Amino acid sequence: MRQKGKLRSWNDEKGFGFVVPTEGGKDVFLHISALSNRTRRPVVGQRATIEWAEPPGN
């Protein structure tokens, strides 16, 4: 599943933040280890595309 949004908050010390989905719904937790481009730090307000898979068995 793929969803677009904007970074609402980012805690650089802890390496996580939250993305507000463009189409509405609950904020999505984002951990630094999930980023494909780790050469630049995330910036609040930055656009994001989130892609995830359902856990096995769902």
N, C-alpha and C. Protein backbone atom coordinates (compact mmCIF):
# COMPACT_ATOMS: atom_id res chain seq x y z
N MET A 1 0.84 -1.17 0.00
CA MET A 1 0.00 0.00 0.00
C MET A 1 0.89 1.24 0.00
N ARG A 2 0.49 2.26 -0.75
CA ARG A 2 1.26 3.50 -0.84
C ARG A 2 0.37 4.67 -0.46
N GLN A 3 0.94 5.60 0.29
CA GLN A 3 0.18 6.76 0.76
C GLN A 3 1.09 7.98 0.74
N LYS A 4 0.53 9.13 0.37
CA LYS A 4 1.30 10.38 0.34
C LYS A 4 0.91 11.25 1.52
N GLY A 5 1.85 12.11 1.93
CA GLY A 5 1.57 13.01 3.04
C GLY A 5 2.69 14.01 3.22
N LYS A 6 2.67 14.70 4.36
CA LYS A 6 3.72 15.67 4.72
C LYS A 6 4.20 15.37 6.12
N LEU A 7 5.48 15.59 6.32
CA LEU A 7 6.08 15.38 7.63
C LEU A 7 5.58 16.45 8.60
N ARG A 8 4.85 16.02 9.63
CA ARG A 8 4.27 16.94 10.62
C ARG A 8 5.27 17.28 11.71
N SER A 9 6.03 16.27 12.14
CA SER A 9 7.00 16.48 13.22
C SER A 9 8.18 15.55 13.01
N TRP A 10 9.33 15.95 13.55
CA TRP A 10 10.53 15.12 13.46
C TRP A 10 11.41 15.36 14.68
N ASN A 11 11.81 14.26 15.36
CA ASN A 11 12.72 14.32 16.49
C ASN A 11 14.05 13.74 16.03
N ASP A 12 14.99 14.61 15.68
CA ASP A 12 16.25 14.15 15.11
C ASP A 12 17.07 13.34 16.11
N GLU A 13 17.00 13.69 17.39
CA GLU A 13 17.75 12.96 18.41
C GLU A 13 17.28 11.51 18.52
N LYS A 14 15.98 11.30 18.40
CA LYS A 14 15.43 9.95 18.54
C LYS A 14 15.23 9.25 17.20
N GLY A 15 15.30 10.00 16.10
CA GLY A 15 15.22 9.40 14.77
C GLY A 15 13.83 8.97 14.35
N PHE A 16 12.82 9.73 14.75
CA PHE A 16 11.47 9.40 14.29
C PHE A 16 10.61 10.65 14.21
N GLY A 17 9.49 10.50 13.50
CA GLY A 17 8.53 11.59 13.37
C GLY A 17 7.19 11.05 12.92
N PHE A 18 6.31 11.96 12.52
CA PHE A 18 4.97 11.57 12.09
C PHE A 18 4.61 12.27 10.79
N VAL A 19 3.96 11.53 9.90
CA VAL A 19 3.51 12.04 8.61
C VAL A 19 1.99 12.16 8.65
N VAL A 20 1.47 13.30 8.17
CA VAL A 20 0.03 13.52 8.04
C VAL A 20 -0.36 13.07 6.64
N PRO A 21 -1.22 12.05 6.51
CA PRO A 21 -1.64 11.58 5.19
C PRO A 21 -2.43 12.66 4.44
N THR A 22 -2.15 12.83 3.15
CA THR A 22 -2.84 13.81 2.32
C THR A 22 -4.33 13.53 2.24
N GLU A 23 -4.70 12.26 2.19
CA GLU A 23 -6.10 11.87 2.04
C GLU A 23 -6.83 11.76 3.37
N GLY A 24 -6.21 12.20 4.45
CA GLY A 24 -6.83 12.13 5.76
C GLY A 24 -6.51 10.84 6.48
N GLY A 25 -6.96 10.74 7.70
CA GLY A 25 -6.69 9.57 8.52
C GLY A 25 -5.68 9.89 9.61
N LYS A 26 -5.32 8.86 10.34
CA LYS A 26 -4.38 9.02 11.46
C LYS A 26 -2.97 9.29 10.96
N ASP A 27 -2.21 10.03 11.77
CA ASP A 27 -0.81 10.26 11.46
C ASP A 27 -0.08 8.92 11.41
N VAL A 28 0.96 8.87 10.58
CA VAL A 28 1.73 7.64 10.39
C VAL A 28 3.11 7.82 11.04
N PHE A 29 3.49 6.88 11.90
CA PHE A 29 4.80 6.89 12.55
C PHE A 29 5.86 6.61 11.49
N LEU A 30 6.96 7.36 11.53
CA LEU A 30 8.05 7.18 10.58
C LEU A 30 9.37 7.10 11.34
N HIS A 31 10.08 5.99 11.18
CA HIS A 31 11.39 5.80 11.82
C HIS A 31 12.48 6.02 10.78
N ILE A 32 13.59 6.58 11.21
CA ILE A 32 14.71 6.88 10.31
C ILE A 32 15.17 5.66 9.51
N SER A 33 15.07 4.47 10.09
CA SER A 33 15.53 3.26 9.40
C SER A 33 14.66 2.91 8.19
N ALA A 34 13.46 3.50 8.10
CA ALA A 34 12.56 3.23 6.98
C ALA A 34 12.81 4.14 5.79
N LEU A 35 13.68 5.13 5.94
CA LEU A 35 13.93 6.08 4.85
C LEU A 35 14.86 5.48 3.81
N SER A 36 14.53 5.70 2.54
CA SER A 36 15.36 5.17 1.47
C SER A 36 16.58 6.06 1.21
N ASN A 37 16.49 7.36 1.50
CA ASN A 37 17.60 8.29 1.31
C ASN A 37 18.02 8.82 2.67
N ARG A 38 19.03 8.23 3.24
CA ARG A 38 19.46 8.64 4.59
C ARG A 38 20.61 9.64 4.55
N THR A 39 20.94 10.16 3.38
CA THR A 39 22.03 11.13 3.30
C THR A 39 21.57 12.51 3.74
N ARG A 40 20.25 12.78 3.66
CA ARG A 40 19.69 14.05 4.12
C ARG A 40 18.69 13.79 5.22
N ARG A 41 18.71 14.65 6.23
CA ARG A 41 17.78 14.50 7.35
C ARG A 41 16.40 14.99 6.94
N PRO A 42 15.34 14.38 7.44
CA PRO A 42 13.98 14.83 7.15
C PRO A 42 13.73 16.24 7.68
N VAL A 43 12.87 16.98 6.99
CA VAL A 43 12.53 18.35 7.36
C VAL A 43 11.02 18.46 7.52
N VAL A 44 10.56 19.06 8.61
CA VAL A 44 9.13 19.24 8.84
C VAL A 44 8.54 20.00 7.65
N GLY A 45 7.40 19.52 7.15
CA GLY A 45 6.74 20.11 5.99
C GLY A 45 7.11 19.44 4.69
N GLN A 46 8.14 18.61 4.72
CA GLN A 46 8.59 17.90 3.53
C GLN A 46 7.55 16.88 3.09
N ARG A 47 7.35 16.74 1.78
CA ARG A 47 6.43 15.73 1.26
C ARG A 47 7.04 14.35 1.44
N ALA A 48 6.16 13.39 1.64
CA ALA A 48 6.62 12.01 1.84
C ALA A 48 5.67 11.05 1.14
N THR A 49 6.23 9.98 0.61
CA THR A 49 5.45 8.87 0.10
C THR A 49 5.80 7.67 0.96
N ILE A 50 4.78 7.10 1.58
CA ILE A 50 4.98 5.97 2.48
C ILE A 50 4.47 4.71 1.80
N GLU A 51 5.27 3.67 1.83
CA GLU A 51 4.86 2.40 1.25
C GLU A 51 5.12 1.31 2.28
N TRP A 52 4.13 0.47 2.51
CA TRP A 52 4.31 -0.62 3.45
C TRP A 52 3.53 -1.83 2.99
N ALA A 53 3.90 -2.96 3.56
CA ALA A 53 3.24 -4.23 3.24
C ALA A 53 2.50 -4.72 4.48
N GLU A 54 1.45 -5.46 4.26
CA GLU A 54 0.71 -6.06 5.37
C GLU A 54 1.58 -7.14 6.01
N PRO A 55 1.51 -7.29 7.33
CA PRO A 55 2.25 -8.36 7.99
C PRO A 55 1.78 -9.73 7.48
N PRO A 56 2.65 -10.72 7.48
CA PRO A 56 2.24 -12.06 7.06
C PRO A 56 1.03 -12.54 7.84
N GLY A 57 0.11 -13.18 7.15
CA GLY A 57 -1.08 -13.72 7.80
C GLY A 57 -2.26 -12.79 7.79
N ASN A 58 -2.11 -11.59 7.23
CA ASN A 58 -3.24 -10.62 7.18
C ASN A 58 -3.80 -10.54 5.79
